[in-house]
Amino acid sequence: MADKILSIPQPLVRTNQSIIVLSVVLTWVSGQEWFLFIPFITGLMGIIFGYNPIMEIRKQFLRKDPKSYIPEDWEQQQFNQKLAVSCLGIGILSFILGWNTVGYIFTALVAVAAFVAILGFCIGCFIHFQWKQYIYRRSVR
């Protein structure tokens, strides 16, 4: 059986990124850190179970066949999701512990990365590529 290349339609990825940005902004404006649990829990579900409820809901509203959209690499998106969930988790924990500065820093990191990705440059993809290059260079020495 040939290796199947897994991908995610770009509108689903963009929706997930938008929810991250929106939840961080709502947290900052309202002071209610529970908004961060939305992308945190759905992202964690995506990592653990391969099922992201935000993407599944958005998928119902695609106007074309999912394969007709620009594909985003599944492995790359899993890496990005791990980064996002890590930053959101640190942010949530920091806010709960009263370490608001740390909470703002980590939630700002994930919000800026998601916003920049929506604009077209994926910071997580760049980090992932550099990591893969590092591993490759180490293996050929």
N, C-alpha and C. Protein backbone atom coordinates (compact mmCIF):
# COMPACT_ATOMS: atom_id res chain seq x y z
N MET A 1 0.84 -1.18 0.00
CA MET A 1 0.00 0.00 0.00
C MET A 1 0.88 1.24 0.00
N ALA A 2 0.63 2.17 -0.90
CA ALA A 2 1.42 3.39 -1.00
C ALA A 2 1.14 4.29 0.20
N ASP A 3 2.17 5.06 0.59
CA ASP A 3 1.98 6.02 1.68
C ASP A 3 0.96 7.07 1.27
N LYS A 4 0.01 7.29 2.14
CA LYS A 4 -1.02 8.28 1.89
C LYS A 4 -0.57 9.61 2.50
N ILE A 5 -0.59 10.66 1.71
CA ILE A 5 -0.22 11.97 2.20
C ILE A 5 -1.46 12.60 2.83
N LEU A 6 -1.37 12.85 4.13
CA LEU A 6 -2.48 13.44 4.85
C LEU A 6 -2.42 14.96 4.77
N SER A 7 -3.57 15.56 4.53
CA SER A 7 -3.61 17.02 4.49
C SER A 7 -4.92 17.51 5.08
N ILE A 8 -4.93 18.80 5.39
CA ILE A 8 -6.09 19.47 5.95
C ILE A 8 -6.40 20.65 5.04
N PRO A 9 -7.64 20.83 4.63
CA PRO A 9 -7.98 21.99 3.79
C PRO A 9 -7.66 23.30 4.52
N GLN A 10 -7.07 24.22 3.80
CA GLN A 10 -6.62 25.48 4.38
C GLN A 10 -7.71 26.24 5.16
N PRO A 11 -8.97 26.29 4.69
CA PRO A 11 -9.98 27.02 5.46
C PRO A 11 -10.17 26.47 6.88
N LEU A 12 -9.97 25.18 7.07
CA LEU A 12 -10.11 24.59 8.40
C LEU A 12 -8.97 25.04 9.31
N VAL A 13 -7.77 25.09 8.75
CA VAL A 13 -6.60 25.54 9.51
C VAL A 13 -6.76 27.01 9.87
N ARG A 14 -7.20 27.82 8.90
CA ARG A 14 -7.39 29.26 9.15
C ARG A 14 -8.44 29.51 10.22
N THR A 15 -9.50 28.71 10.23
CA THR A 15 -10.53 28.86 11.25
C THR A 15 -9.95 28.55 12.62
N ASN A 16 -9.19 27.48 12.73
CA ASN A 16 -8.56 27.13 14.00
C ASN A 16 -7.64 28.26 14.47
N GLN A 17 -6.86 28.82 13.56
CA GLN A 17 -5.97 29.93 13.91
C GLN A 17 -6.77 31.16 14.37
N SER A 18 -7.87 31.42 13.69
CA SER A 18 -8.71 32.55 14.04
C SER A 18 -9.31 32.39 15.44
N ILE A 19 -9.70 31.18 15.78
CA ILE A 19 -10.26 30.91 17.12
C ILE A 19 -9.19 31.14 18.18
N ILE A 20 -7.96 30.78 17.89
CA ILE A 20 -6.86 31.02 18.84
C ILE A 20 -6.70 32.52 19.08
N VAL A 21 -6.62 33.28 17.99
CA VAL A 21 -6.46 34.74 18.11
C VAL A 21 -7.64 35.34 18.87
N LEU A 22 -8.85 34.97 18.48
CA LEU A 22 -10.06 35.50 19.11
C LEU A 22 -10.10 35.17 20.61
N SER A 23 -9.76 33.96 20.98
CA SER A 23 -9.81 33.58 22.39
C SER A 23 -8.79 34.35 23.22
N VAL A 24 -7.60 34.59 22.66
CA VAL A 24 -6.59 35.36 23.38
C VAL A 24 -7.07 36.81 23.55
N VAL A 25 -7.59 37.39 22.48
CA VAL A 25 -8.09 38.77 22.57
C VAL A 25 -9.23 38.87 23.58
N LEU A 26 -10.17 37.93 23.53
CA LEU A 26 -11.28 37.95 24.50
C LEU A 26 -10.78 37.79 25.94
N THR A 27 -9.76 36.98 26.13
CA THR A 27 -9.18 36.81 27.47
C THR A 27 -8.57 38.11 27.95
N TRP A 28 -7.79 38.76 27.09
CA TRP A 28 -7.15 40.01 27.48
C TRP A 28 -8.17 41.10 27.77
N VAL A 29 -9.20 41.20 26.93
CA VAL A 29 -10.20 42.26 27.08
C VAL A 29 -11.09 42.02 28.30
N SER A 30 -11.49 40.78 28.50
CA SER A 30 -12.45 40.48 29.57
C SER A 30 -11.79 40.09 30.89
N GLY A 31 -10.54 39.66 30.84
CA GLY A 31 -9.87 39.16 32.04
C GLY A 31 -10.34 37.76 32.42
N GLN A 32 -11.07 37.12 31.54
CA GLN A 32 -11.60 35.77 31.79
C GLN A 32 -10.77 34.75 31.02
N GLU A 33 -9.90 34.05 31.74
CA GLU A 33 -9.00 33.11 31.06
C GLU A 33 -9.70 31.86 30.56
N TRP A 34 -10.95 31.65 30.91
CA TRP A 34 -11.65 30.45 30.43
C TRP A 34 -11.77 30.43 28.91
N PHE A 35 -11.71 31.61 28.26
CA PHE A 35 -11.76 31.65 26.79
C PHE A 35 -10.60 30.84 26.19
N LEU A 36 -9.47 30.80 26.90
CA LEU A 36 -8.30 30.06 26.40
C LEU A 36 -8.52 28.56 26.38
N PHE A 37 -9.46 28.09 27.19
CA PHE A 37 -9.73 26.65 27.23
C PHE A 37 -10.33 26.14 25.92
N ILE A 38 -10.99 27.02 25.16
CA ILE A 38 -11.62 26.58 23.91
C ILE A 38 -10.55 26.07 22.93
N PRO A 39 -9.56 26.90 22.55
CA PRO A 39 -8.55 26.36 21.64
C PRO A 39 -7.62 25.35 22.31
N PHE A 40 -7.44 25.48 23.63
CA PHE A 40 -6.56 24.54 24.33
C PHE A 40 -7.15 23.12 24.29
N ILE A 41 -8.40 22.98 24.67
CA ILE A 41 -9.03 21.66 24.71
C ILE A 41 -9.22 21.09 23.31
N THR A 42 -9.68 21.91 22.37
CA THR A 42 -9.87 21.40 21.01
C THR A 42 -8.53 21.05 20.36
N GLY A 43 -7.50 21.84 20.65
CA GLY A 43 -6.16 21.53 20.13
C GLY A 43 -5.61 20.25 20.73
N LEU A 44 -5.83 20.07 22.02
CA LEU A 44 -5.38 18.85 22.69
C LEU A 44 -6.11 17.63 22.11
N MET A 45 -7.40 17.78 21.84
CA MET A 45 -8.16 16.69 21.22
C MET A 45 -7.59 16.37 19.83
N GLY A 46 -7.21 17.41 19.09
CA GLY A 46 -6.63 17.19 17.77
C GLY A 46 -5.31 16.44 17.84
N ILE A 47 -4.51 16.75 18.85
CA ILE A 47 -3.21 16.08 19.01
C ILE A 47 -3.41 14.62 19.46
N ILE A 48 -4.24 14.43 20.45
CA ILE A 48 -4.39 13.10 21.05
C ILE A 48 -5.26 12.17 20.19
N PHE A 49 -6.39 12.69 19.73
CA PHE A 49 -7.37 11.85 19.04
C PHE A 49 -7.44 12.07 17.53
N GLY A 50 -6.74 13.09 17.03
CA GLY A 50 -6.84 13.41 15.61
C GLY A 50 -8.18 14.00 15.24
N TYR A 51 -8.89 14.55 16.22
CA TYR A 51 -10.22 15.12 16.01
C TYR A 51 -10.27 16.49 16.67
N ASN A 52 -10.36 17.53 15.85
CA ASN A 52 -10.46 18.90 16.35
C ASN A 52 -11.89 19.37 16.10
N PRO A 53 -12.69 19.55 17.16
CA PRO A 53 -14.10 19.94 16.98
C PRO A 53 -14.29 21.24 16.19
N ILE A 54 -13.38 22.19 16.35
CA ILE A 54 -13.49 23.45 15.60
C ILE A 54 -13.39 23.17 14.10
N MET A 55 -12.43 22.36 13.72
CA MET A 55 -12.27 22.03 12.30
C MET A 55 -13.43 21.19 11.78
N GLU A 56 -13.92 20.29 12.62
CA GLU A 56 -15.05 19.45 12.19
C GLU A 56 -16.31 20.27 11.98
N ILE A 57 -16.56 21.22 12.85
CA ILE A 57 -17.72 22.11 12.67
C ILE A 57 -17.55 22.94 11.40
N ARG A 58 -16.34 23.51 11.22
CA ARG A 58 -16.08 24.34 10.04
C ARG A 58 -16.20 23.53 8.75
N LYS A 59 -15.81 22.27 8.80
CA LYS A 59 -15.86 21.40 7.62
C LYS A 59 -17.28 21.32 7.06
N GLN A 60 -18.28 21.41 7.93
CA GLN A 60 -19.68 21.33 7.49
C GLN A 60 -20.08 22.50 6.59
N PHE A 61 -19.31 23.59 6.65
CA PHE A 61 -19.64 24.79 5.89
C PHE A 61 -18.76 25.03 4.67
N LEU A 62 -17.91 24.05 4.33
CA LEU A 62 -17.10 24.18 3.12
C LEU A 62 -18.03 24.15 1.91
N ARG A 63 -17.77 25.01 0.96
CA ARG A 63 -18.64 25.10 -0.22
C ARG A 63 -18.22 24.14 -1.33
N LYS A 64 -16.95 23.72 -1.27
CA LYS A 64 -16.43 22.83 -2.31
C LYS A 64 -15.96 21.53 -1.64
N ASP A 65 -15.58 20.59 -2.48
CA ASP A 65 -14.99 19.36 -1.99
C ASP A 65 -13.72 19.70 -1.21
N PRO A 66 -13.51 19.12 -0.03
CA PRO A 66 -12.32 19.45 0.78
C PRO A 66 -11.00 19.31 0.02
N LYS A 67 -10.93 18.38 -0.93
CA LYS A 67 -9.69 18.18 -1.69
C LYS A 67 -9.42 19.31 -2.68
N SER A 68 -10.40 20.16 -2.94
CA SER A 68 -10.21 21.24 -3.90
C SER A 68 -9.57 22.49 -3.27
N TYR A 69 -9.42 22.52 -1.96
CA TYR A 69 -8.79 23.64 -1.27
C TYR A 69 -7.28 23.42 -1.17
N ILE A 70 -6.56 24.49 -0.94
CA ILE A 70 -5.12 24.39 -0.74
C ILE A 70 -4.88 23.47 0.46
N PRO A 71 -4.07 22.43 0.28
CA PRO A 71 -3.84 21.50 1.38
C PRO A 71 -2.75 21.99 2.34
N GLU A 72 -2.98 21.77 3.61
CA GLU A 72 -1.97 22.02 4.64
C GLU A 72 -1.51 20.65 5.13
N ASP A 73 -0.22 20.47 5.27
CA ASP A 73 0.35 19.19 5.68
C ASP A 73 -0.08 18.82 7.09
N TRP A 74 -0.64 17.62 7.25
CA TRP A 74 -1.15 17.16 8.54
C TRP A 74 -0.05 17.10 9.60
N GLU A 75 1.11 16.53 9.24
CA GLU A 75 2.22 16.42 10.20
C GLU A 75 2.66 17.81 10.66
N GLN A 76 2.76 18.73 9.72
CA GLN A 76 3.16 20.10 10.06
C GLN A 76 2.14 20.76 10.98
N GLN A 77 0.87 20.53 10.70
CA GLN A 77 -0.18 21.13 11.52
C GLN A 77 -0.19 20.50 12.92
N GLN A 78 0.14 19.23 13.03
CA GLN A 78 0.25 18.60 14.35
C GLN A 78 1.38 19.26 15.15
N PHE A 79 2.50 19.51 14.50
CA PHE A 79 3.61 20.20 15.15
C PHE A 79 3.18 21.58 15.62
N ASN A 80 2.52 22.33 14.72
CA ASN A 80 2.05 23.67 15.07
C ASN A 80 1.06 23.63 16.23
N GLN A 81 0.19 22.62 16.20
CA GLN A 81 -0.82 22.50 17.26
C GLN A 81 -0.15 22.21 18.60
N LYS A 82 0.91 21.41 18.59
CA LYS A 82 1.64 21.13 19.83
C LYS A 82 2.26 22.41 20.39
N LEU A 83 2.81 23.23 19.51
CA LEU A 83 3.35 24.52 19.96
C LEU A 83 2.25 25.40 20.54
N ALA A 84 1.12 25.48 19.84
CA ALA A 84 0.02 26.33 20.28
C ALA A 84 -0.55 25.84 21.62
N VAL A 85 -0.79 24.55 21.74
CA VAL A 85 -1.34 23.99 22.97
C VAL A 85 -0.36 24.20 24.13
N SER A 86 0.93 24.06 23.87
CA SER A 86 1.93 24.29 24.92
C SER A 86 1.88 25.73 25.41
N CYS A 87 1.88 26.67 24.48
CA CYS A 87 1.83 28.09 24.87
C CYS A 87 0.52 28.43 25.56
N LEU A 88 -0.59 27.92 25.05
CA LEU A 88 -1.89 28.17 25.70
C LEU A 88 -1.92 27.55 27.10
N GLY A 89 -1.39 26.34 27.25
CA GLY A 89 -1.36 25.68 28.55
C GLY A 89 -0.52 26.45 29.55
N ILE A 90 0.64 26.92 29.12
CA ILE A 90 1.49 27.72 30.01
C ILE A 90 0.78 29.03 30.35
N GLY A 91 0.12 29.62 29.36
CA GLY A 91 -0.63 30.86 29.60
C GLY A 91 -1.76 30.65 30.61
N ILE A 92 -2.55 29.60 30.42
CA ILE A 92 -3.66 29.30 31.34
C ILE A 92 -3.13 29.09 32.75
N LEU A 93 -2.12 28.24 32.88
CA LEU A 93 -1.56 27.95 34.19
C LEU A 93 -1.00 29.22 34.84
N SER A 94 -0.35 30.04 34.06
CA SER A 94 0.22 31.28 34.58
C SER A 94 -0.87 32.22 35.08
N PHE A 95 -1.94 32.38 34.33
CA PHE A 95 -3.04 33.23 34.78
C PHE A 95 -3.67 32.67 36.06
N ILE A 96 -3.84 31.36 36.13
CA ILE A 96 -4.43 30.74 37.32
C ILE A 96 -3.55 30.97 38.55
N LEU A 97 -2.23 30.89 38.36
CA LEU A 97 -1.29 31.09 39.47
C LEU A 97 -1.05 32.56 39.78
N GLY A 98 -1.65 33.44 39.00
CA GLY A 98 -1.46 34.87 39.23
C GLY A 98 -0.20 35.44 38.61
N TRP A 99 0.45 34.67 37.78
CA TRP A 99 1.65 35.13 37.08
C TRP A 99 1.22 35.76 35.75
N ASN A 100 0.52 36.86 35.85
CA ASN A 100 -0.12 37.46 34.68
C ASN A 100 0.87 37.84 33.59
N THR A 101 2.04 38.33 33.96
CA THR A 101 3.02 38.72 32.93
C THR A 101 3.40 37.52 32.08
N VAL A 102 3.68 36.38 32.72
CA VAL A 102 4.02 35.16 31.98
C VAL A 102 2.83 34.73 31.13
N GLY A 103 1.62 34.82 31.69
CA GLY A 103 0.41 34.48 30.94
C GLY A 103 0.26 35.33 29.69
N TYR A 104 0.49 36.63 29.84
CA TYR A 104 0.38 37.52 28.67
C TYR A 104 1.46 37.22 27.64
N ILE A 105 2.66 36.90 28.10
CA ILE A 105 3.75 36.61 27.15
C ILE A 105 3.42 35.37 26.33
N PHE A 106 3.03 34.27 26.99
CA PHE A 106 2.78 33.04 26.25
C PHE A 106 1.52 33.10 25.39
N THR A 107 0.50 33.79 25.86
CA THR A 107 -0.69 33.91 25.02
C THR A 107 -0.43 34.87 23.86
N ALA A 108 0.42 35.87 24.09
CA ALA A 108 0.80 36.77 22.99
C ALA A 108 1.59 36.01 21.94
N LEU A 109 2.50 35.14 22.38
CA LEU A 109 3.30 34.34 21.43
C LEU A 109 2.40 33.54 20.50
N VAL A 110 1.43 32.83 21.09
CA VAL A 110 0.57 31.97 20.27
C VAL A 110 -0.37 32.82 19.41
N ALA A 111 -0.87 33.93 19.93
CA ALA A 111 -1.78 34.78 19.15
C ALA A 111 -1.05 35.42 17.97
N VAL A 112 0.15 35.91 18.21
CA VAL A 112 0.92 36.53 17.13
C VAL A 112 1.28 35.49 16.07
N ALA A 113 1.71 34.31 16.51
CA ALA A 113 2.05 33.24 15.55
C ALA A 113 0.82 32.86 14.71
N ALA A 114 -0.35 32.73 15.36
CA ALA A 114 -1.57 32.37 14.62
C ALA A 114 -1.96 33.50 13.66
N PHE A 115 -1.86 34.73 14.11
CA PHE A 115 -2.24 35.86 13.25
C PHE A 115 -1.31 35.98 12.05
N VAL A 116 -0.02 35.84 12.30
CA VAL A 116 0.96 35.90 11.20
C VAL A 116 0.72 34.75 10.22
N ALA A 117 0.36 33.57 10.73
CA ALA A 117 0.05 32.43 9.85
C ALA A 117 -1.18 32.72 8.99
N ILE A 118 -2.17 33.37 9.57
CA ILE A 118 -3.35 33.75 8.79
C ILE A 118 -2.94 34.69 7.65
N LEU A 119 -1.98 35.54 7.92
CA LEU A 119 -1.49 36.48 6.90
C LEU A 119 -0.61 35.81 5.85
N GLY A 120 -0.12 34.58 6.15
CA GLY A 120 0.61 33.85 5.12
C GLY A 120 1.98 33.33 5.48
N PHE A 121 2.53 33.69 6.64
CA PHE A 121 3.83 33.15 7.04
C PHE A 121 3.67 32.32 8.29
N CYS A 122 4.00 31.06 8.19
CA CYS A 122 3.82 30.13 9.31
C CYS A 122 5.11 30.04 10.12
N ILE A 123 5.11 30.64 11.29
CA ILE A 123 6.28 30.62 12.17
C ILE A 123 6.56 29.19 12.62
N GLY A 124 5.51 28.45 12.98
CA GLY A 124 5.67 27.05 13.39
C GLY A 124 6.28 26.21 12.28
N CYS A 125 5.87 26.48 11.04
CA CYS A 125 6.42 25.74 9.89
C CYS A 125 7.91 26.03 9.75
N PHE A 126 8.29 27.28 9.94
CA PHE A 126 9.69 27.68 9.86
C PHE A 126 10.50 26.96 10.95
N ILE A 127 9.97 26.94 12.17
CA ILE A 127 10.66 26.26 13.28
C ILE A 127 10.78 24.76 12.98
N HIS A 128 9.69 24.17 12.49
CA HIS A 128 9.69 22.74 12.16
C HIS A 128 10.73 22.43 11.08
N PHE A 129 10.78 23.26 10.04
CA PHE A 129 11.75 23.07 8.96
C PHE A 129 13.18 23.15 9.51
N GLN A 130 13.45 24.16 10.35
CA GLN A 130 14.80 24.31 10.92
C GLN A 130 15.15 23.10 11.78
N TRP A 131 14.19 22.59 12.54
CA TRP A 131 14.41 21.41 13.37
C TRP A 131 14.75 20.20 12.50
N LYS A 132 13.98 20.01 11.42
CA LYS A 132 14.24 18.89 10.51
C LYS A 132 15.62 19.02 9.88
N GLN A 133 16.01 20.23 9.52
CA GLN A 133 17.34 20.46 8.95
C GLN A 133 18.43 20.13 9.96
N TYR A 134 18.22 20.53 11.19
CA TYR A 134 19.19 20.25 12.26
C TYR A 134 19.35 18.73 12.44
N ILE A 135 18.24 18.02 12.50
CA ILE A 135 18.27 16.56 12.66
C ILE A 135 19.00 15.92 11.47
N TYR A 136 18.69 16.39 10.27
CA TYR A 136 19.35 15.84 9.08
C TYR A 136 20.87 16.08 9.12
N ARG A 137 21.27 17.33 9.43
CA ARG A 137 22.70 17.64 9.47
C ARG A 137 23.42 16.80 10.52
N ARG A 138 22.77 16.55 11.64
CA ARG A 138 23.37 15.70 12.68
C ARG A 138 23.52 14.27 12.20
N SER A 139 22.55 13.81 11.40
CA SER A 139 22.59 12.42 10.95
C SER A 139 23.66 12.16 9.89
N VAL A 140 24.06 13.18 9.14
CA VAL A 140 25.05 12.97 8.09
C VAL A 140 26.48 13.21 8.56
N ARG A 141 26.64 13.64 9.80
CA ARG A 141 28.00 13.86 10.32
C ARG A 141 28.63 12.58 10.74
